[in-house]
Amino acid sequence: DEALGVLRGVGAALPLPLLLVSHREIFGWAL
């Protein structure tokens, strides 16, 4: 959670588009 918040800030600062994917989206389950 915290690291993804930092990552969103990095994307905004650079600025770069940010694609967030999750295990749930890809595999249908979370770790």
ModelCIF file with pLDDT and N, C-alpha, C, O atoms, coordinates in Angstrom:
data_MODEL
#
_entry.id   MODEL 
#
_entity.id                         1 
_entity.type                       polymer 
_entity.pdbx_number_of_molecules   1 
#
_entity_poly.entity_id                      1 
_entity_poly.type                           'polypeptide(L)' 
_entity_poly.nstd_linkage                   no 
_entity_poly.nstd_monomer                   no 
_entity_poly.pdbx_seq_one_letter_code       DEALGVLRGVGAALPLPLLLVSHREIFGWAL 
_entity_poly.pdbx_seq_one_letter_code_can   DEALGVLRGVGAALPLPLLLVSHREIFGWAL 
_entity_poly.pdbx_strand_id                 A 
#
loop_
_entity_poly_seq.entity_id 
_entity_poly_seq.num 
_entity_poly_seq.mon_id 
_entity_poly_seq.hetero 
1 1  ASP n 
1 2  GLU n 
1 3  ALA n 
1 4  LEU n 
1 5  GLY n 
1 6  VAL n 
1 7  LEU n 
1 8  ARG n 
1 9  GLY n 
1 10 VAL n 
1 11 GLY n 
1 12 ALA n 
1 13 ALA n 
1 14 LEU n 
1 15 PRO n 
1 16 LEU n 
1 17 PRO n 
1 18 LEU n 
1 19 LEU n 
1 20 LEU n 
1 21 VAL n 
1 22 SER n 
1 23 HIS n 
1 24 ARG n 
1 25 GLU n 
1 26 ILE n 
1 27 PHE n 
1 28 GLY n 
1 29 TRP n 
1 30 ALA n 
1 31 LEU n 
#
_struct_asym.id          A 
_struct_asym.entity_id   1 
#
loop_
_ma_qa_metric.id 
_ma_qa_metric.mode 
_ma_qa_metric.name 
_ma_qa_metric.software_group_id 
_ma_qa_metric.type 
1 global pLDDT . pLDDT 
2 local  pLDDT . pLDDT 
#
_ma_qa_metric_global.metric_id      1 
_ma_qa_metric_global.metric_value   89.32 
_ma_qa_metric_global.model_id       1 
_ma_qa_metric_global.ordinal_id     1 
#
loop_
_ma_qa_metric_local.label_asym_id 
_ma_qa_metric_local.label_comp_id 
_ma_qa_metric_local.label_seq_id 
_ma_qa_metric_local.metric_id 
_ma_qa_metric_local.metric_value 
_ma_qa_metric_local.model_id 
_ma_qa_metric_local.ordinal_id 
A ASP 1  2 83.00 1 1  
A GLU 2  2 85.00 1 2  
A ALA 3  2 85.00 1 3  
A LEU 4  2 87.00 1 4  
A GLY 5  2 89.00 1 5  
A VAL 6  2 89.00 1 6  
A LEU 7  2 91.00 1 7  
A ARG 8  2 93.00 1 8  
A GLY 9  2 94.00 1 9  
A VAL 10 2 93.00 1 10 
A GLY 11 2 94.00 1 11 
A ALA 12 2 95.00 1 12 
A ALA 13 2 94.00 1 13 
A LEU 14 2 94.00 1 14 
A PRO 15 2 94.00 1 15 
A LEU 16 2 95.00 1 16 
A PRO 17 2 96.00 1 17 
A LEU 18 2 95.00 1 18 
A LEU 19 2 94.00 1 19 
A LEU 20 2 92.00 1 20 
A VAL 21 2 91.00 1 21 
A SER 22 2 89.00 1 22 
A HIS 23 2 85.00 1 23 
A ARG 24 2 86.00 1 24 
A GLU 25 2 88.00 1 25 
A ILE 26 2 85.00 1 26 
A PHE 27 2 82.00 1 27 
A GLY 28 2 86.00 1 28 
A TRP 29 2 82.00 1 29 
A ALA 30 2 84.00 1 30 
A LEU 31 2 79.00 1 31 
#
loop_
_atom_site.group_PDB 
_atom_site.id 
_atom_site.type_symbol 
_atom_site.label_atom_id 
_atom_site.label_alt_id 
_atom_site.label_comp_id 
_atom_site.label_asym_id 
_atom_site.label_entity_id 
_atom_site.label_seq_id 
_atom_site.pdbx_PDB_ins_code 
_atom_site.Cartn_x 
_atom_site.Cartn_y 
_atom_site.Cartn_z 
_atom_site.occupancy 
_atom_site.B_iso_or_equiv 
_atom_site.pdbx_formal_charge 
_atom_site.auth_seq_id 
_atom_site.auth_comp_id 
_atom_site.auth_asym_id 
_atom_site.auth_atom_id 
_atom_site.pdbx_PDB_model_num 
ATOM 1   N N  . ASP A 1 1  ? 0.801  -1.208  0.000   1.00 83.00 ? 1  ASP A N  1 
ATOM 2   C CA . ASP A 1 1  ? 0.000  0.000   0.000   1.00 83.00 ? 1  ASP A CA 1 
ATOM 3   C C  . ASP A 1 1  ? 0.844  1.272   0.000   1.00 83.00 ? 1  ASP A C  1 
ATOM 4   O O  . ASP A 1 1  ? 0.639  2.154   -0.834  1.00 83.00 ? 1  ASP A O  1 
ATOM 5   N N  . GLU A 1 2  ? 1.789  1.369   0.930   1.00 85.00 ? 2  GLU A N  1 
ATOM 6   C CA . GLU A 1 2  ? 2.623  2.567   1.028   1.00 85.00 ? 2  GLU A CA 1 
ATOM 7   C C  . GLU A 1 2  ? 3.509  2.722   -0.213  1.00 85.00 ? 2  GLU A C  1 
ATOM 8   O O  . GLU A 1 2  ? 3.628  3.818   -0.761  1.00 85.00 ? 2  GLU A O  1 
ATOM 9   N N  . ALA A 1 3  ? 4.129  1.623   -0.650  1.00 85.00 ? 3  ALA A N  1 
ATOM 10  C CA . ALA A 1 3  ? 5.023  1.693   -1.814  1.00 85.00 ? 3  ALA A CA 1 
ATOM 11  C C  . ALA A 1 3  ? 4.252  2.069   -3.080  1.00 85.00 ? 3  ALA A C  1 
ATOM 12  O O  . ALA A 1 3  ? 4.770  2.810   -3.916  1.00 85.00 ? 3  ALA A O  1 
ATOM 13  N N  . LEU A 1 4  ? 3.020  1.567   -3.233  1.00 87.00 ? 4  LEU A N  1 
ATOM 14  C CA . LEU A 1 4  ? 2.231  1.934   -4.410  1.00 87.00 ? 4  LEU A CA 1 
ATOM 15  C C  . LEU A 1 4  ? 1.852  3.413   -4.366  1.00 87.00 ? 4  LEU A C  1 
ATOM 16  O O  . LEU A 1 4  ? 1.759  4.060   -5.409  1.00 87.00 ? 4  LEU A O  1 
ATOM 17  N N  . GLY A 1 5  ? 1.632  3.952   -3.162  1.00 89.00 ? 5  GLY A N  1 
ATOM 18  C CA . GLY A 1 5  ? 1.389  5.391   -3.012  1.00 89.00 ? 5  GLY A CA 1 
ATOM 19  C C  . GLY A 1 5  ? 2.611  6.194   -3.443  1.00 89.00 ? 5  GLY A C  1 
ATOM 20  O O  . GLY A 1 5  ? 2.485  7.208   -4.129  1.00 89.00 ? 5  GLY A O  1 
ATOM 21  N N  . VAL A 1 6  ? 3.799  5.734   -3.034  1.00 89.00 ? 6  VAL A N  1 
ATOM 22  C CA . VAL A 1 6  ? 5.043  6.381   -3.455  1.00 89.00 ? 6  VAL A CA 1 
ATOM 23  C C  . VAL A 1 6  ? 5.176  6.296   -4.973  1.00 89.00 ? 6  VAL A C  1 
ATOM 24  O O  . VAL A 1 6  ? 5.555  7.273   -5.620  1.00 89.00 ? 6  VAL A O  1 
ATOM 25  N N  . LEU A 1 7  ? 4.868  5.142   -5.536  1.00 91.00 ? 7  LEU A N  1 
ATOM 26  C CA . LEU A 1 7  ? 4.971  4.938   -6.979  1.00 91.00 ? 7  LEU A CA 1 
ATOM 27  C C  . LEU A 1 7  ? 4.043  5.882   -7.739  1.00 91.00 ? 7  LEU A C  1 
ATOM 28  O O  . LEU A 1 7  ? 4.414  6.404   -8.790  1.00 91.00 ? 7  LEU A O  1 
ATOM 29  N N  . ARG A 1 8  ? 2.859  6.099   -7.220  1.00 93.00 ? 8  ARG A N  1 
ATOM 30  C CA . ARG A 1 8  ? 1.941  7.059   -7.852  1.00 93.00 ? 8  ARG A CA 1 
ATOM 31  C C  . ARG A 1 8  ? 2.569  8.460   -7.857  1.00 93.00 ? 8  ARG A C  1 
ATOM 32  O O  . ARG A 1 8  ? 2.457  9.199   -8.835  1.00 93.00 ? 8  ARG A O  1 
ATOM 33  N N  . GLY A 1 9  ? 3.232  8.810   -6.743  1.00 94.00 ? 9  GLY A N  1 
ATOM 34  C CA . GLY A 1 9  ? 3.909  10.108  -6.665  1.00 94.00 ? 9  GLY A CA 1 
ATOM 35  C C  . GLY A 1 9  ? 5.065  10.215  -7.642  1.00 94.00 ? 9  GLY A C  1 
ATOM 36  O O  . GLY A 1 9  ? 5.277  11.272  -8.237  1.00 94.00 ? 9  GLY A O  1 
ATOM 37  N N  . VAL A 1 10 ? 5.818  9.131   -7.815  1.00 93.00 ? 10 VAL A N  1 
ATOM 38  C CA . VAL A 1 10 ? 6.926  9.109   -8.772  1.00 93.00 ? 10 VAL A CA 1 
ATOM 39  C C  . VAL A 1 10 ? 6.386  9.325   -10.180 1.00 93.00 ? 10 VAL A C  1 
ATOM 40  O O  . VAL A 1 10 ? 6.931  10.117  -10.948 1.00 93.00 ? 10 VAL A O  1 
ATOM 41  N N  . GLY A 1 11 ? 5.314  8.617   -10.511 1.00 94.00 ? 11 GLY A N  1 
ATOM 42  C CA . GLY A 1 11 ? 4.705  8.767   -11.837 1.00 94.00 ? 11 GLY A CA 1 
ATOM 43  C C  . GLY A 1 11 ? 4.251  10.194  -12.088 1.00 94.00 ? 11 GLY A C  1 
ATOM 44  O O  . GLY A 1 11 ? 4.444  10.721  -13.183 1.00 94.00 ? 11 GLY A O  1 
ATOM 45  N N  . ALA A 1 12 ? 3.653  10.820  -11.095 1.00 95.00 ? 12 ALA A N  1 
ATOM 46  C CA . ALA A 1 12 ? 3.192  12.201  -11.241 1.00 95.00 ? 12 ALA A CA 1 
ATOM 47  C C  . ALA A 1 12 ? 4.363  13.169  -11.354 1.00 95.00 ? 12 ALA A C  1 
ATOM 48  O O  . ALA A 1 12 ? 4.290  14.138  -12.111 1.00 95.00 ? 12 ALA A O  1 
ATOM 49  N N  . ALA A 1 13 ? 5.439  12.924  -10.616 1.00 94.00 ? 13 ALA A N  1 
ATOM 50  C CA . ALA A 1 13 ? 6.583  13.837  -10.592 1.00 94.00 ? 13 ALA A CA 1 
ATOM 51  C C  . ALA A 1 13 ? 7.402  13.786  -11.875 1.00 94.00 ? 13 ALA A C  1 
ATOM 52  O O  . ALA A 1 13 ? 7.953  14.810  -12.280 1.00 94.00 ? 13 ALA A O  1 
ATOM 53  N N  . LEU A 1 14 ? 7.499  12.654  -12.513 1.00 94.00 ? 14 LEU A N  1 
ATOM 54  C CA . LEU A 1 14 ? 8.425  12.536  -13.648 1.00 94.00 ? 14 LEU A CA 1 
ATOM 55  C C  . LEU A 1 14 ? 7.989  13.264  -14.921 1.00 94.00 ? 14 LEU A C  1 
ATOM 56  O O  . LEU A 1 14 ? 8.930  13.708  -15.580 1.00 94.00 ? 14 LEU A O  1 
ATOM 57  N N  . PRO A 1 15 ? 6.877  13.461  -15.360 1.00 94.00 ? 15 PRO A N  1 
ATOM 58  C CA . PRO A 1 15 ? 5.667  12.660  -15.243 1.00 94.00 ? 15 PRO A CA 1 
ATOM 59  C C  . PRO A 1 15 ? 5.707  11.484  -16.226 1.00 94.00 ? 15 PRO A C  1 
ATOM 60  O O  . PRO A 1 15 ? 6.133  11.617  -17.373 1.00 94.00 ? 15 PRO A O  1 
ATOM 61  N N  . LEU A 1 16 ? 5.255  10.347  -15.739 1.00 95.00 ? 16 LEU A N  1 
ATOM 62  C CA . LEU A 1 16 ? 5.157  9.146   -16.567 1.00 95.00 ? 16 LEU A CA 1 
ATOM 63  C C  . LEU A 1 16 ? 3.809  8.487   -16.306 1.00 95.00 ? 16 LEU A C  1 
ATOM 64  O O  . LEU A 1 16 ? 3.306  8.515   -15.183 1.00 95.00 ? 16 LEU A O  1 
ATOM 65  N N  . PRO A 1 17 ? 3.228  7.897   -17.339 1.00 96.00 ? 17 PRO A N  1 
ATOM 66  C CA . PRO A 1 17 ? 2.007  7.126   -17.090 1.00 96.00 ? 17 PRO A CA 1 
ATOM 67  C C  . PRO A 1 17 ? 2.329  5.927   -16.206 1.00 96.00 ? 17 PRO A C  1 
ATOM 68  O O  . PRO A 1 17 ? 3.418  5.358   -16.278 1.00 96.00 ? 17 PRO A O  1 
ATOM 69  N N  . LEU A 1 18 ? 1.373  5.561   -15.381 1.00 95.00 ? 18 LEU A N  1 
ATOM 70  C CA . LEU A 1 18 ? 1.552  4.449   -14.459 1.00 95.00 ? 18 LEU A CA 1 
ATOM 71  C C  . LEU A 1 18 ? 0.489  3.396   -14.725 1.00 95.00 ? 18 LEU A C  1 
ATOM 72  O O  . LEU A 1 18 ? -0.708 3.681   -14.696 1.00 95.00 ? 18 LEU A O  1 
ATOM 73  N N  . LEU A 1 19 ? 0.941  2.181   -14.983 1.00 94.00 ? 19 LEU A N  1 
ATOM 74  C CA . LEU A 1 19 ? 0.045  1.047   -15.146 1.00 94.00 ? 19 LEU A CA 1 
ATOM 75  C C  . LEU A 1 19 ? 0.199  0.164   -13.920 1.00 94.00 ? 19 LEU A C  1 
ATOM 76  O O  . LEU A 1 19 ? 1.277  -0.370  -13.659 1.00 94.00 ? 19 LEU A O  1 
ATOM 77  N N  . LEU A 1 20 ? -0.890 0.012   -13.167 1.00 92.00 ? 20 LEU A N  1 
ATOM 78  C CA . LEU A 1 20 ? -0.882 -0.869  -12.013 1.00 92.00 ? 20 LEU A CA 1 
ATOM 79  C C  . LEU A 1 20 ? -1.648 -2.133  -12.379 1.00 92.00 ? 20 LEU A C  1 
ATOM 80  O O  . LEU A 1 20 ? -2.792 -2.072  -12.830 1.00 92.00 ? 20 LEU A O  1 
ATOM 81  N N  . VAL A 1 21 ? -1.013 -3.261  -12.181 1.00 91.00 ? 21 VAL A N  1 
ATOM 82  C CA . VAL A 1 21 ? -1.665 -4.550  -12.410 1.00 91.00 ? 21 VAL A CA 1 
ATOM 83  C C  . VAL A 1 21 ? -1.671 -5.313  -11.099 1.00 91.00 ? 21 VAL A C  1 
ATOM 84  O O  . VAL A 1 21 ? -0.874 -5.038  -10.202 1.00 91.00 ? 21 VAL A O  1 
ATOM 85  N N  . SER A 1 22 ? -2.560 -6.256  -11.000 1.00 89.00 ? 22 SER A N  1 
ATOM 86  C CA . SER A 1 22 ? -2.625 -7.041  -9.770  1.00 89.00 ? 22 SER A CA 1 
ATOM 87  C C  . SER A 1 22 ? -2.705 -8.517  -10.105 1.00 89.00 ? 22 SER A C  1 
ATOM 88  O O  . SER A 1 22 ? -3.129 -8.912  -11.191 1.00 89.00 ? 22 SER A O  1 
ATOM 89  N N  . HIS A 1 23 ? -2.291 -9.308  -9.154  1.00 85.00 ? 23 HIS A N  1 
ATOM 90  C CA . HIS A 1 23 ? -2.410 -10.756 -9.305  1.00 85.00 ? 23 HIS A CA 1 
ATOM 91  C C  . HIS A 1 23 ? -3.867 -11.136 -9.518  1.00 85.00 ? 23 HIS A C  1 
ATOM 92  O O  . HIS A 1 23 ? -4.171 -12.035 -10.302 1.00 85.00 ? 23 HIS A O  1 
ATOM 93  N N  . ARG A 1 24 ? -4.766 -10.453 -8.822  1.00 86.00 ? 24 ARG A N  1 
ATOM 94  C CA . ARG A 1 24 ? -6.184 -10.768 -8.964  1.00 86.00 ? 24 ARG A CA 1 
ATOM 95  C C  . ARG A 1 24 ? -6.636 -10.548 -10.405 1.00 86.00 ? 24 ARG A C  1 
ATOM 96  O O  . ARG A 1 24 ? -7.351 -11.383 -10.960 1.00 86.00 ? 24 ARG A O  1 
ATOM 97  N N  . GLU A 1 25 ? -6.229 -9.436  -11.019 1.00 88.00 ? 25 GLU A N  1 
ATOM 98  C CA . GLU A 1 25 ? -6.611 -9.160  -12.416 1.00 88.00 ? 25 GLU A CA 1 
ATOM 99  C C  . GLU A 1 25 ? -6.026 -10.193 -13.376 1.00 88.00 ? 25 GLU A C  1 
ATOM 100 O O  . GLU A 1 25 ? -6.695 -10.624 -14.315 1.00 88.00 ? 25 GLU A O  1 
ATOM 101 N N  . ILE A 1 26 ? -4.791 -10.582 -13.142 1.00 85.00 ? 26 ILE A N  1 
ATOM 102 C CA . ILE A 1 26 ? -4.091 -11.461 -14.075 1.00 85.00 ? 26 ILE A CA 1 
ATOM 103 C C  . ILE A 1 26 ? -4.437 -12.932 -13.852 1.00 85.00 ? 26 ILE A C  1 
ATOM 104 O O  . ILE A 1 26 ? -4.718 -13.664 -14.802 1.00 85.00 ? 26 ILE A O  1 
ATOM 105 N N  . PHE A 1 27 ? -4.414 -13.358 -12.585 1.00 82.00 ? 27 PHE A N  1 
ATOM 106 C CA . PHE A 1 27 ? -4.566 -14.776 -12.275 1.00 82.00 ? 27 PHE A CA 1 
ATOM 107 C C  . PHE A 1 27 ? -5.908 -15.148 -11.656 1.00 82.00 ? 27 PHE A C  1 
ATOM 108 O O  . PHE A 1 27 ? -6.268 -16.324 -11.607 1.00 82.00 ? 27 PHE A O  1 
ATOM 109 N N  . GLY A 1 28 ? -6.655 -14.136 -11.178 1.00 86.00 ? 28 GLY A N  1 
ATOM 110 C CA . GLY A 1 28 ? -7.931 -14.429 -10.549 1.00 86.00 ? 28 GLY A CA 1 
ATOM 111 C C  . GLY A 1 28 ? -7.842 -14.649 -9.053  1.00 86.00 ? 28 GLY A C  1 
ATOM 112 O O  . GLY A 1 28 ? -8.850 -14.976 -8.426  1.00 86.00 ? 28 GLY A O  1 
ATOM 113 N N  . TRP A 1 29 ? -6.651 -14.477 -8.451  1.00 82.00 ? 29 TRP A N  1 
ATOM 114 C CA . TRP A 1 29 ? -6.467 -14.629 -7.013  1.00 82.00 ? 29 TRP A CA 1 
ATOM 115 C C  . TRP A 1 29 ? -5.331 -13.735 -6.544  1.00 82.00 ? 29 TRP A C  1 
ATOM 116 O O  . TRP A 1 29 ? -4.414 -13.416 -7.300  1.00 82.00 ? 29 TRP A O  1 
ATOM 117 N N  . ALA A 1 30 ? -5.410 -13.341 -5.286  1.00 84.00 ? 30 ALA A N  1 
ATOM 118 C CA . ALA A 1 30 ? -4.352 -12.547 -4.660  1.00 84.00 ? 30 ALA A CA 1 
ATOM 119 C C  . ALA A 1 30 ? -3.465 -13.490 -3.854  1.00 84.00 ? 30 ALA A C  1 
ATOM 120 O O  . ALA A 1 30 ? -3.895 -14.578 -3.472  1.00 84.00 ? 30 ALA A O  1 
ATOM 121 N N  . LEU A 1 31 ? -2.244 -13.077 -3.600  1.00 79.00 ? 31 LEU A N  1 
ATOM 122 C CA . LEU A 1 31 ? -1.321 -13.941 -2.859  1.00 79.00 ? 31 LEU A CA 1 
ATOM 123 C C  . LEU A 1 31 ? -1.801 -14.239 -1.447  1.00 79.00 ? 31 LEU A C  1 
ATOM 124 O O  . LEU A 1 31 ? -1.127 -14.953 -0.704  1.00 79.00 ? 31 LEU A O  1 
#
